[in-house]
Amino acid sequence: MARAKLRPQREVVDRCRTLRIEVAAAVERLPAASADAELVDAAWHGEALGALLWALQLAELPPYDQPFHTEDVLGVDPVGGRLRPVDEIALERDSARLWHWRARTAVLQAAGTLELPARFASFDQVIAATAMRGFEQGLLPAPMRGDFRAFGKVYRHLSPSQLDEAHAIAAERHHALAWLAGSGRDWSDVPLDT
């Protein structure tokens, strides 16, 4: 794995401030406008904010089946933080990428648009191999029946709402950590390859 070069701490603090404003505004309007998809997406940016606060050593990172508490991340002043070591952030970025991969795999499987890699006989084999490799590399918790473990059960058995929540958590954290590691020109241009 190539050693990542992190964005400057000042830039990370500025991004946290921007996210705090966006998330706070979305959360304030959400009860009355819960059908507004853009507003719901903006509220989920709390996961990106939480991931950056974790990187600044100002928050604990919950498992990928538990969102940050919005009130907690909104109440943190990012100015007092210090970035974690590059290797620690790279490890968590790789973990977020795997969780995002699993979420996208579930969506593509359901849509029937996912091609099976030639060396595997089933998608269950691909997922089991990825889950085990991620566990062995310290990126994932121990697999459960050949799959990622989420919400206390096998990922492939998640309900539609649990799948949506797991996807949103993983995508936002992956975005934040990839951006922090220098992917993309700016926040709105971060490639999220899975």
N, C-alpha and C. Protein backbone atom coordinates (compact mmCIF):
# COMPACT_ATOMS: atom_id res chain seq x y z
N MET A 1 0.84 -1.17 0.00
CA MET A 1 0.00 0.00 0.00
C MET A 1 0.89 1.24 0.00
N ALA A 2 0.64 2.17 -0.89
CA ALA A 2 1.41 3.40 -0.95
C ALA A 2 1.08 4.27 0.26
N ARG A 3 2.09 4.91 0.76
CA ARG A 3 1.91 5.77 1.93
C ARG A 3 1.13 7.01 1.51
N ALA A 4 0.04 7.26 2.20
CA ALA A 4 -0.81 8.40 1.88
C ALA A 4 -0.21 9.69 2.44
N LYS A 5 -0.46 10.77 1.74
CA LYS A 5 -0.08 12.08 2.24
C LYS A 5 -1.38 12.78 2.61
N LEU A 6 -1.52 13.11 3.87
CA LEU A 6 -2.76 13.70 4.36
C LEU A 6 -2.88 15.16 3.97
N ARG A 7 -4.12 15.60 3.87
CA ARG A 7 -4.37 17.02 3.67
C ARG A 7 -3.92 17.77 4.94
N PRO A 8 -3.58 19.03 4.79
CA PRO A 8 -3.12 19.80 5.96
C PRO A 8 -4.21 19.87 7.04
N GLN A 9 -3.79 19.89 8.28
CA GLN A 9 -4.72 19.92 9.40
C GLN A 9 -5.67 21.11 9.30
N ARG A 10 -5.17 22.25 8.91
CA ARG A 10 -6.02 23.45 8.77
C ARG A 10 -7.17 23.20 7.82
N GLU A 11 -6.89 22.51 6.71
CA GLU A 11 -7.91 22.19 5.72
C GLU A 11 -8.94 21.21 6.29
N VAL A 12 -8.49 20.27 7.10
CA VAL A 12 -9.39 19.31 7.74
C VAL A 12 -10.30 20.03 8.73
N VAL A 13 -9.74 20.93 9.51
CA VAL A 13 -10.55 21.71 10.47
C VAL A 13 -11.57 22.54 9.73
N ASP A 14 -11.17 23.18 8.63
CA ASP A 14 -12.11 23.98 7.84
C ASP A 14 -13.24 23.11 7.27
N ARG A 15 -12.91 21.92 6.81
CA ARG A 15 -13.93 21.00 6.27
C ARG A 15 -14.89 20.60 7.38
N CYS A 16 -14.37 20.34 8.58
CA CYS A 16 -15.24 20.00 9.72
C CYS A 16 -16.21 21.14 10.01
N ARG A 17 -15.71 22.36 10.00
CA ARG A 17 -16.59 23.52 10.26
C ARG A 17 -17.70 23.60 9.21
N THR A 18 -17.35 23.41 7.95
CA THR A 18 -18.34 23.45 6.88
C THR A 18 -19.37 22.34 7.05
N LEU A 19 -18.91 21.14 7.35
CA LEU A 19 -19.83 20.02 7.55
C LEU A 19 -20.74 20.26 8.75
N ARG A 20 -20.20 20.83 9.82
CA ARG A 20 -21.04 21.12 10.99
C ARG A 20 -22.19 22.03 10.62
N ILE A 21 -21.92 23.05 9.84
CA ILE A 21 -22.96 23.99 9.42
C ILE A 21 -24.00 23.27 8.57
N GLU A 22 -23.55 22.48 7.59
CA GLU A 22 -24.46 21.76 6.69
C GLU A 22 -25.32 20.75 7.45
N VAL A 23 -24.69 19.98 8.32
CA VAL A 23 -25.42 18.94 9.05
C VAL A 23 -26.41 19.58 10.02
N ALA A 24 -26.00 20.61 10.74
CA ALA A 24 -26.89 21.28 11.69
C ALA A 24 -28.11 21.85 10.97
N ALA A 25 -27.91 22.48 9.82
CA ALA A 25 -29.03 23.04 9.06
C ALA A 25 -29.96 21.94 8.58
N ALA A 26 -29.41 20.83 8.12
CA ALA A 26 -30.24 19.72 7.64
C ALA A 26 -31.04 19.09 8.77
N VAL A 27 -30.39 18.85 9.90
CA VAL A 27 -31.06 18.23 11.05
C VAL A 27 -32.19 19.12 11.55
N GLU A 28 -31.97 20.41 11.55
CA GLU A 28 -32.99 21.34 12.01
C GLU A 28 -34.24 21.30 11.12
N ARG A 29 -34.04 21.13 9.82
CA ARG A 29 -35.16 21.14 8.87
C ARG A 29 -35.77 19.76 8.66
N LEU A 30 -35.05 18.70 9.03
CA LEU A 30 -35.47 17.35 8.69
C LEU A 30 -36.85 16.92 9.18
N PRO A 31 -37.21 17.16 10.41
CA PRO A 31 -38.53 16.64 10.81
C PRO A 31 -39.67 17.11 9.90
N ALA A 32 -39.57 18.34 9.43
CA ALA A 32 -40.63 18.88 8.59
C ALA A 32 -40.46 18.53 7.12
N ALA A 33 -39.24 18.15 6.71
CA ALA A 33 -38.97 17.90 5.29
C ALA A 33 -38.29 16.56 5.08
N SER A 34 -38.79 15.53 5.74
CA SER A 34 -38.12 14.22 5.68
C SER A 34 -38.19 13.56 4.30
N ALA A 35 -39.03 14.08 3.41
CA ALA A 35 -39.11 13.53 2.05
C ALA A 35 -38.08 14.17 1.12
N ASP A 36 -37.39 15.17 1.57
CA ASP A 36 -36.39 15.88 0.76
C ASP A 36 -35.08 15.08 0.76
N ALA A 37 -34.78 14.41 -0.36
CA ALA A 37 -33.61 13.53 -0.45
C ALA A 37 -32.31 14.29 -0.21
N GLU A 38 -32.20 15.51 -0.71
CA GLU A 38 -30.98 16.30 -0.51
C GLU A 38 -30.76 16.61 0.96
N LEU A 39 -31.83 16.87 1.66
CA LEU A 39 -31.75 17.16 3.08
C LEU A 39 -31.33 15.92 3.87
N VAL A 40 -31.89 14.78 3.51
CA VAL A 40 -31.52 13.53 4.17
C VAL A 40 -30.04 13.23 3.91
N ASP A 41 -29.59 13.43 2.67
CA ASP A 41 -28.17 13.23 2.35
C ASP A 41 -27.29 14.16 3.17
N ALA A 42 -27.71 15.42 3.31
CA ALA A 42 -26.92 16.38 4.09
C ALA A 42 -26.84 15.96 5.55
N ALA A 43 -27.92 15.40 6.08
CA ALA A 43 -27.88 14.93 7.47
C ALA A 43 -26.90 13.76 7.62
N TRP A 44 -26.84 12.90 6.60
CA TRP A 44 -25.89 11.77 6.65
C TRP A 44 -24.44 12.24 6.61
N HIS A 45 -24.19 13.48 6.20
CA HIS A 45 -22.82 14.01 6.22
C HIS A 45 -22.26 14.05 7.64
N GLY A 46 -23.12 13.84 8.62
CA GLY A 46 -22.65 13.73 10.00
C GLY A 46 -21.67 12.57 10.15
N GLU A 47 -21.82 11.54 9.32
CA GLU A 47 -20.88 10.42 9.34
C GLU A 47 -19.51 10.85 8.82
N ALA A 48 -19.50 11.68 7.79
CA ALA A 48 -18.23 12.21 7.28
C ALA A 48 -17.59 13.11 8.33
N LEU A 49 -18.40 13.95 8.95
CA LEU A 49 -17.89 14.82 10.01
C LEU A 49 -17.32 13.98 11.15
N GLY A 50 -18.04 12.96 11.56
CA GLY A 50 -17.55 12.10 12.63
C GLY A 50 -16.22 11.43 12.27
N ALA A 51 -16.11 10.97 11.03
CA ALA A 51 -14.86 10.33 10.59
C ALA A 51 -13.69 11.31 10.64
N LEU A 52 -13.94 12.55 10.24
CA LEU A 52 -12.87 13.55 10.29
C LEU A 52 -12.53 13.91 11.74
N LEU A 53 -13.55 13.97 12.60
CA LEU A 53 -13.28 14.23 14.02
C LEU A 53 -12.49 13.07 14.63
N TRP A 54 -12.79 11.84 14.20
CA TRP A 54 -12.00 10.69 14.63
C TRP A 54 -10.55 10.88 14.19
N ALA A 55 -10.36 11.29 12.94
CA ALA A 55 -9.00 11.49 12.41
C ALA A 55 -8.26 12.57 13.19
N LEU A 56 -9.01 13.53 13.74
CA LEU A 56 -8.42 14.60 14.55
C LEU A 56 -8.31 14.20 16.02
N GLN A 57 -8.62 12.94 16.33
CA GLN A 57 -8.57 12.40 17.69
C GLN A 57 -9.55 13.08 18.63
N LEU A 58 -10.70 13.48 18.08
CA LEU A 58 -11.71 14.16 18.88
C LEU A 58 -13.00 13.35 19.03
N ALA A 59 -13.03 12.16 18.44
CA ALA A 59 -14.22 11.30 18.53
C ALA A 59 -13.79 9.85 18.42
N GLU A 60 -14.58 8.98 19.00
CA GLU A 60 -14.39 7.54 18.84
C GLU A 60 -15.19 7.10 17.62
N LEU A 61 -14.63 6.18 16.87
CA LEU A 61 -15.29 5.69 15.66
C LEU A 61 -16.18 4.50 16.02
N PRO A 62 -17.51 4.65 15.86
CA PRO A 62 -18.39 3.51 16.13
C PRO A 62 -18.22 2.44 15.05
N PRO A 63 -18.66 1.22 15.32
CA PRO A 63 -18.65 0.19 14.28
C PRO A 63 -19.47 0.66 13.07
N TYR A 64 -19.28 -0.02 11.95
CA TYR A 64 -19.91 0.42 10.70
C TYR A 64 -21.40 0.10 10.61
N ASP A 65 -21.97 -0.44 11.67
CA ASP A 65 -23.42 -0.62 11.71
C ASP A 65 -24.05 0.30 12.76
N GLN A 66 -23.27 1.27 13.23
CA GLN A 66 -23.76 2.25 14.21
C GLN A 66 -23.35 3.65 13.76
N PRO A 67 -24.31 4.51 13.52
CA PRO A 67 -23.94 5.88 13.14
C PRO A 67 -23.42 6.67 14.34
N PHE A 68 -22.69 7.72 14.05
CA PHE A 68 -22.31 8.67 15.08
C PHE A 68 -23.58 9.30 15.63
N HIS A 69 -23.56 9.74 16.88
CA HIS A 69 -24.67 10.51 17.43
C HIS A 69 -24.50 11.94 16.92
N THR A 70 -25.48 12.40 16.17
CA THR A 70 -25.38 13.70 15.51
C THR A 70 -25.09 14.82 16.50
N GLU A 71 -25.79 14.81 17.62
CA GLU A 71 -25.58 15.88 18.61
C GLU A 71 -24.14 15.90 19.11
N ASP A 72 -23.56 14.71 19.25
CA ASP A 72 -22.18 14.63 19.73
C ASP A 72 -21.19 15.24 18.74
N VAL A 73 -21.31 14.88 17.46
CA VAL A 73 -20.35 15.40 16.49
C VAL A 73 -20.57 16.89 16.23
N LEU A 74 -21.81 17.35 16.34
CA LEU A 74 -22.06 18.78 16.15
C LEU A 74 -21.51 19.61 17.30
N GLY A 75 -21.36 18.99 18.46
CA GLY A 75 -20.88 19.72 19.63
C GLY A 75 -19.37 19.78 19.77
N VAL A 76 -18.63 19.19 18.84
CA VAL A 76 -17.17 19.15 18.94
C VAL A 76 -16.54 20.30 18.16
N ASP A 77 -15.65 21.03 18.82
CA ASP A 77 -14.88 22.07 18.15
C ASP A 77 -13.63 21.42 17.57
N PRO A 78 -13.48 21.42 16.24
CA PRO A 78 -12.35 20.71 15.63
C PRO A 78 -10.99 21.38 15.82
N VAL A 79 -10.99 22.60 16.30
CA VAL A 79 -9.73 23.35 16.41
C VAL A 79 -8.74 22.66 17.34
N GLY A 80 -9.21 22.01 18.38
CA GLY A 80 -8.31 21.41 19.36
C GLY A 80 -7.73 20.06 18.96
N GLY A 81 -8.07 19.55 17.80
CA GLY A 81 -7.62 18.22 17.41
C GLY A 81 -6.24 18.20 16.78
N ARG A 82 -5.69 16.98 16.76
CA ARG A 82 -4.42 16.73 16.07
C ARG A 82 -4.59 15.47 15.25
N LEU A 83 -4.16 15.52 14.01
CA LEU A 83 -4.33 14.38 13.13
C LEU A 83 -3.62 13.13 13.65
N ARG A 84 -4.29 12.01 13.51
CA ARG A 84 -3.71 10.72 13.86
C ARG A 84 -2.56 10.43 12.88
N PRO A 85 -1.74 9.44 13.21
CA PRO A 85 -0.67 9.06 12.28
C PRO A 85 -1.24 8.60 10.92
N VAL A 86 -0.47 8.85 9.89
CA VAL A 86 -0.89 8.53 8.52
C VAL A 86 -1.28 7.06 8.38
N ASP A 87 -0.50 6.16 8.96
CA ASP A 87 -0.77 4.73 8.83
C ASP A 87 -2.09 4.34 9.47
N GLU A 88 -2.43 4.95 10.59
CA GLU A 88 -3.69 4.66 11.28
C GLU A 88 -4.88 5.13 10.43
N ILE A 89 -4.74 6.29 9.83
CA ILE A 89 -5.81 6.80 8.96
C ILE A 89 -5.93 5.95 7.71
N ALA A 90 -4.81 5.53 7.14
CA ALA A 90 -4.84 4.68 5.95
C ALA A 90 -5.53 3.35 6.24
N LEU A 91 -5.28 2.79 7.39
CA LEU A 91 -5.92 1.53 7.78
C LEU A 91 -7.44 1.71 7.88
N GLU A 92 -7.87 2.79 8.50
CA GLU A 92 -9.32 3.03 8.63
C GLU A 92 -9.94 3.37 7.28
N ARG A 93 -9.21 4.06 6.44
CA ARG A 93 -9.71 4.33 5.08
C ARG A 93 -9.94 3.01 4.34
N ASP A 94 -9.01 2.09 4.46
CA ASP A 94 -9.15 0.79 3.81
C ASP A 94 -10.34 0.01 4.38
N SER A 95 -10.56 0.13 5.68
CA SER A 95 -11.72 -0.51 6.30
C SER A 95 -13.01 0.10 5.76
N ALA A 96 -13.07 1.42 5.70
CA ALA A 96 -14.26 2.10 5.16
C ALA A 96 -14.51 1.69 3.71
N ARG A 97 -13.44 1.56 2.95
CA ARG A 97 -13.58 1.15 1.55
C ARG A 97 -14.18 -0.25 1.45
N LEU A 98 -13.75 -1.17 2.31
CA LEU A 98 -14.32 -2.53 2.30
C LEU A 98 -15.80 -2.51 2.68
N TRP A 99 -16.15 -1.75 3.70
CA TRP A 99 -17.56 -1.66 4.09
C TRP A 99 -18.39 -1.05 2.96
N HIS A 100 -17.83 -0.05 2.29
CA HIS A 100 -18.54 0.57 1.16
C HIS A 100 -18.66 -0.44 0.01
N TRP A 101 -17.59 -1.20 -0.23
CA TRP A 101 -17.63 -2.25 -1.26
C TRP A 101 -18.76 -3.23 -0.96
N ARG A 102 -18.88 -3.64 0.31
CA ARG A 102 -19.92 -4.62 0.67
C ARG A 102 -21.31 -4.04 0.45
N ALA A 103 -21.49 -2.78 0.79
CA ALA A 103 -22.79 -2.13 0.59
C ALA A 103 -23.12 -2.04 -0.90
N ARG A 104 -22.15 -1.63 -1.70
CA ARG A 104 -22.40 -1.52 -3.14
C ARG A 104 -22.61 -2.89 -3.77
N THR A 105 -21.90 -3.89 -3.29
CA THR A 105 -22.08 -5.24 -3.80
C THR A 105 -23.52 -5.71 -3.57
N ALA A 106 -24.06 -5.41 -2.40
CA ALA A 106 -25.45 -5.78 -2.09
C ALA A 106 -26.42 -5.10 -3.06
N VAL A 107 -26.19 -3.83 -3.35
CA VAL A 107 -27.06 -3.09 -4.28
C VAL A 107 -26.96 -3.68 -5.68
N LEU A 108 -25.74 -3.93 -6.14
CA LEU A 108 -25.54 -4.45 -7.49
C LEU A 108 -26.06 -5.88 -7.63
N GLN A 109 -25.91 -6.68 -6.57
CA GLN A 109 -26.47 -8.03 -6.60
C GLN A 109 -27.98 -7.98 -6.73
N ALA A 110 -28.61 -7.12 -5.94
CA ALA A 110 -30.07 -7.00 -5.97
C ALA A 110 -30.55 -6.54 -7.35
N ALA A 111 -29.76 -5.70 -8.00
CA ALA A 111 -30.13 -5.20 -9.32
C ALA A 111 -29.78 -6.19 -10.43
N GLY A 112 -28.99 -7.21 -10.10
CA GLY A 112 -28.59 -8.20 -11.10
C GLY A 112 -27.57 -7.67 -12.10
N THR A 113 -26.80 -6.65 -11.70
CA THR A 113 -25.85 -6.03 -12.64
C THR A 113 -24.39 -6.29 -12.27
N LEU A 114 -24.16 -7.24 -11.39
CA LEU A 114 -22.81 -7.51 -10.94
C LEU A 114 -22.26 -8.73 -11.66
N GLU A 115 -21.07 -8.59 -12.25
CA GLU A 115 -20.44 -9.72 -12.93
C GLU A 115 -19.55 -10.46 -11.95
N LEU A 116 -19.64 -11.76 -11.98
CA LEU A 116 -18.86 -12.61 -11.10
C LEU A 116 -17.43 -12.72 -11.62
N PRO A 117 -16.43 -12.46 -10.75
CA PRO A 117 -15.04 -12.65 -11.18
C PRO A 117 -14.81 -14.11 -11.60
N ALA A 118 -14.00 -14.33 -12.60
CA ALA A 118 -13.82 -15.65 -13.21
C ALA A 118 -13.39 -16.74 -12.23
N ARG A 119 -12.58 -16.40 -11.26
CA ARG A 119 -12.05 -17.46 -10.38
C ARG A 119 -13.01 -17.88 -9.26
N PHE A 120 -14.19 -17.28 -9.21
CA PHE A 120 -15.16 -17.62 -8.17
C PHE A 120 -16.39 -18.28 -8.76
N ALA A 121 -16.97 -19.22 -8.00
CA ALA A 121 -18.18 -19.93 -8.46
C ALA A 121 -19.45 -19.20 -8.06
N SER A 122 -19.36 -18.29 -7.05
CA SER A 122 -20.56 -17.58 -6.60
C SER A 122 -20.15 -16.26 -5.94
N PHE A 123 -21.13 -15.36 -5.80
CA PHE A 123 -20.87 -14.11 -5.10
C PHE A 123 -20.62 -14.36 -3.62
N ASP A 124 -21.25 -15.39 -3.09
CA ASP A 124 -21.00 -15.73 -1.70
C ASP A 124 -19.52 -16.06 -1.47
N GLN A 125 -18.87 -16.69 -2.45
CA GLN A 125 -17.44 -16.98 -2.34
C GLN A 125 -16.61 -15.69 -2.36
N VAL A 126 -16.97 -14.78 -3.24
CA VAL A 126 -16.25 -13.50 -3.33
C VAL A 126 -16.37 -12.77 -2.00
N ILE A 127 -17.57 -12.70 -1.47
CA ILE A 127 -17.82 -11.99 -0.22
C ILE A 127 -17.09 -12.67 0.94
N ALA A 128 -17.16 -13.99 0.99
CA ALA A 128 -16.49 -14.74 2.07
C ALA A 128 -14.98 -14.52 2.02
N ALA A 129 -14.40 -14.57 0.82
CA ALA A 129 -12.95 -14.36 0.68
C ALA A 129 -12.57 -12.94 1.10
N THR A 130 -13.37 -11.97 0.72
CA THR A 130 -13.09 -10.58 1.08
C THR A 130 -13.23 -10.37 2.58
N ALA A 131 -14.28 -10.93 3.17
CA ALA A 131 -14.50 -10.79 4.61
C ALA A 131 -13.34 -11.41 5.39
N MET A 132 -12.89 -12.58 4.98
CA MET A 132 -11.79 -13.24 5.68
C MET A 132 -10.47 -12.49 5.50
N ARG A 133 -10.20 -12.05 4.27
CA ARG A 133 -8.97 -11.30 4.02
C ARG A 133 -8.98 -9.98 4.81
N GLY A 134 -10.13 -9.30 4.83
CA GLY A 134 -10.23 -8.06 5.60
C GLY A 134 -10.01 -8.30 7.09
N PHE A 135 -10.53 -9.40 7.60
CA PHE A 135 -10.33 -9.75 9.00
C PHE A 135 -8.85 -10.04 9.27
N GLU A 136 -8.24 -10.82 8.40
CA GLU A 136 -6.82 -11.16 8.58
C GLU A 136 -5.92 -9.93 8.53
N GLN A 137 -6.33 -8.91 7.78
CA GLN A 137 -5.54 -7.68 7.67
C GLN A 137 -5.88 -6.67 8.77
N GLY A 138 -6.80 -7.03 9.66
CA GLY A 138 -7.18 -6.14 10.75
C GLY A 138 -8.12 -5.03 10.34
N LEU A 139 -8.79 -5.19 9.20
CA LEU A 139 -9.68 -4.15 8.68
C LEU A 139 -11.14 -4.39 9.03
N LEU A 140 -11.50 -5.62 9.33
CA LEU A 140 -12.89 -5.99 9.57
C LEU A 140 -12.99 -6.86 10.81
N PRO A 141 -14.18 -6.86 11.43
CA PRO A 141 -14.40 -7.83 12.51
C PRO A 141 -14.47 -9.25 11.94
N ALA A 142 -14.42 -10.23 12.80
CA ALA A 142 -14.49 -11.63 12.35
C ALA A 142 -15.75 -11.84 11.51
N PRO A 143 -15.62 -12.54 10.39
CA PRO A 143 -16.79 -12.79 9.55
C PRO A 143 -17.82 -13.65 10.29
N MET A 144 -19.04 -13.55 9.82
CA MET A 144 -20.13 -14.37 10.35
C MET A 144 -20.69 -15.17 9.19
N ARG A 145 -20.56 -16.47 9.25
CA ARG A 145 -21.05 -17.37 8.20
C ARG A 145 -20.65 -16.89 6.80
N GLY A 146 -19.37 -16.54 6.67
CA GLY A 146 -18.84 -16.18 5.36
C GLY A 146 -19.26 -14.81 4.85
N ASP A 147 -19.59 -13.91 5.76
CA ASP A 147 -20.02 -12.57 5.32
C ASP A 147 -19.61 -11.56 6.39
N PHE A 148 -19.77 -10.28 6.05
CA PHE A 148 -19.53 -9.22 7.01
C PHE A 148 -20.60 -9.34 8.09
N ARG A 149 -20.24 -8.96 9.30
CA ARG A 149 -21.16 -8.97 10.43
C ARG A 149 -21.68 -7.55 10.63
N ALA A 150 -23.00 -7.38 10.62
CA ALA A 150 -23.60 -6.05 10.83
C ALA A 150 -24.95 -6.22 11.52
N PHE A 151 -25.23 -5.32 12.44
CA PHE A 151 -26.49 -5.35 13.18
C PHE A 151 -26.72 -6.70 13.86
N GLY A 152 -25.62 -7.35 14.25
CA GLY A 152 -25.69 -8.62 14.95
C GLY A 152 -26.07 -9.80 14.08
N LYS A 153 -25.99 -9.63 12.77
CA LYS A 153 -26.33 -10.74 11.88
C LYS A 153 -25.48 -10.70 10.63
N VAL A 154 -25.71 -11.65 9.77
CA VAL A 154 -25.00 -11.76 8.50
C VAL A 154 -25.47 -10.62 7.58
N TYR A 155 -24.53 -9.95 6.93
CA TYR A 155 -24.85 -8.78 6.09
C TYR A 155 -25.92 -9.11 5.05
N ARG A 156 -25.83 -10.27 4.42
CA ARG A 156 -26.79 -10.61 3.36
C ARG A 156 -28.21 -10.77 3.88
N HIS A 157 -28.38 -10.82 5.22
CA HIS A 157 -29.71 -10.95 5.81
C HIS A 157 -30.26 -9.63 6.36
N LEU A 158 -29.59 -8.53 6.06
CA LEU A 158 -30.05 -7.24 6.56
C LEU A 158 -31.37 -6.85 5.90
N SER A 159 -32.18 -6.13 6.64
CA SER A 159 -33.43 -5.61 6.11
C SER A 159 -33.11 -4.46 5.15
N PRO A 160 -34.06 -4.06 4.32
CA PRO A 160 -33.80 -2.92 3.42
C PRO A 160 -33.38 -1.65 4.16
N SER A 161 -33.98 -1.36 5.29
CA SER A 161 -33.59 -0.15 6.03
C SER A 161 -32.19 -0.29 6.63
N GLN A 162 -31.84 -1.49 7.07
CA GLN A 162 -30.48 -1.72 7.59
C GLN A 162 -29.45 -1.62 6.46
N LEU A 163 -29.80 -2.14 5.29
CA LEU A 163 -28.90 -2.01 4.14
C LEU A 163 -28.67 -0.55 3.79
N ASP A 164 -29.74 0.25 3.78
CA ASP A 164 -29.62 1.68 3.48
C ASP A 164 -28.74 2.38 4.51
N GLU A 165 -28.96 2.06 5.79
CA GLU A 165 -28.18 2.70 6.85
C GLU A 165 -26.70 2.30 6.75
N ALA A 166 -26.43 1.02 6.57
CA ALA A 166 -25.05 0.56 6.45
C ALA A 166 -24.36 1.19 5.25
N HIS A 167 -25.10 1.33 4.16
CA HIS A 167 -24.53 1.94 2.95
C HIS A 167 -24.20 3.41 3.20
N ALA A 168 -25.12 4.14 3.81
CA ALA A 168 -24.88 5.56 4.07
C ALA A 168 -23.69 5.77 5.00
N ILE A 169 -23.61 4.97 6.06
CA ILE A 169 -22.49 5.09 7.00
C ILE A 169 -21.17 4.84 6.27
N ALA A 170 -21.10 3.74 5.53
CA ALA A 170 -19.85 3.38 4.85
C ALA A 170 -19.46 4.41 3.79
N ALA A 171 -20.42 4.84 2.99
CA ALA A 171 -20.12 5.79 1.91
C ALA A 171 -19.60 7.12 2.46
N GLU A 172 -20.24 7.63 3.51
CA GLU A 172 -19.82 8.91 4.08
C GLU A 172 -18.44 8.82 4.73
N ARG A 173 -18.20 7.75 5.47
CA ARG A 173 -16.89 7.60 6.11
C ARG A 173 -15.80 7.38 5.06
N HIS A 174 -16.12 6.57 4.05
CA HIS A 174 -15.15 6.34 2.97
C HIS A 174 -14.81 7.65 2.29
N HIS A 175 -15.83 8.45 1.98
CA HIS A 175 -15.62 9.74 1.33
C HIS A 175 -14.68 10.62 2.17
N ALA A 176 -15.00 10.75 3.45
CA ALA A 176 -14.20 11.63 4.31
C ALA A 176 -12.75 11.17 4.42
N LEU A 177 -12.55 9.88 4.60
CA LEU A 177 -11.19 9.37 4.79
C LEU A 177 -10.40 9.35 3.49
N ALA A 178 -11.07 9.11 2.38
CA ALA A 178 -10.39 9.18 1.08
C ALA A 178 -9.98 10.62 0.79
N TRP A 179 -10.88 11.57 1.06
CA TRP A 179 -10.56 12.98 0.88
C TRP A 179 -9.36 13.36 1.75
N LEU A 180 -9.40 12.97 3.01
CA LEU A 180 -8.33 13.28 3.95
C LEU A 180 -6.99 12.75 3.45
N ALA A 181 -7.02 11.58 2.80
CA ALA A 181 -5.79 10.96 2.29
C ALA A 181 -5.37 11.54 0.93
N GLY A 182 -6.07 12.57 0.48
CA GLY A 182 -5.64 13.27 -0.72
C GLY A 182 -6.33 12.89 -2.01
N SER A 183 -7.33 12.03 -1.95
CA SER A 183 -8.05 11.66 -3.19
C SER A 183 -8.89 12.83 -3.68
N GLY A 184 -8.87 13.05 -4.97
CA GLY A 184 -9.67 14.11 -5.58
C GLY A 184 -9.05 15.48 -5.41
N ARG A 185 -9.51 16.39 -6.26
CA ARG A 185 -9.01 17.77 -6.18
C ARG A 185 -9.60 18.49 -4.98
N ASP A 186 -10.87 18.23 -4.70
CA ASP A 186 -11.53 18.87 -3.57
C ASP A 186 -12.62 17.95 -3.03
N TRP A 187 -13.37 18.42 -2.05
CA TRP A 187 -14.39 17.60 -1.37
C TRP A 187 -15.42 17.03 -2.33
N SER A 188 -15.80 17.79 -3.33
CA SER A 188 -16.87 17.34 -4.24
C SER A 188 -16.35 16.46 -5.36
N ASP A 189 -15.06 16.18 -5.38
CA ASP A 189 -14.44 15.43 -6.47
C ASP A 189 -13.62 14.25 -5.94
N VAL A 190 -14.18 13.51 -4.99
CA VAL A 190 -13.44 12.39 -4.39
C VAL A 190 -13.89 11.09 -5.05
N PRO A 191 -12.98 10.40 -5.77
CA PRO A 191 -13.35 9.13 -6.36
C PRO A 191 -13.49 8.07 -5.27
N LEU A 192 -14.57 7.33 -5.32
CA LEU A 192 -14.83 6.28 -4.32
C LEU A 192 -14.87 4.93 -4.99
N ASP A 193 -13.73 4.48 -5.47
CA ASP A 193 -13.67 3.18 -6.10
C ASP A 193 -13.89 2.10 -5.06
N THR A 194 -14.68 1.14 -5.44
CA THR A 194 -14.91 -0.02 -4.56
C THR A 194 -14.75 -1.23 -5.42
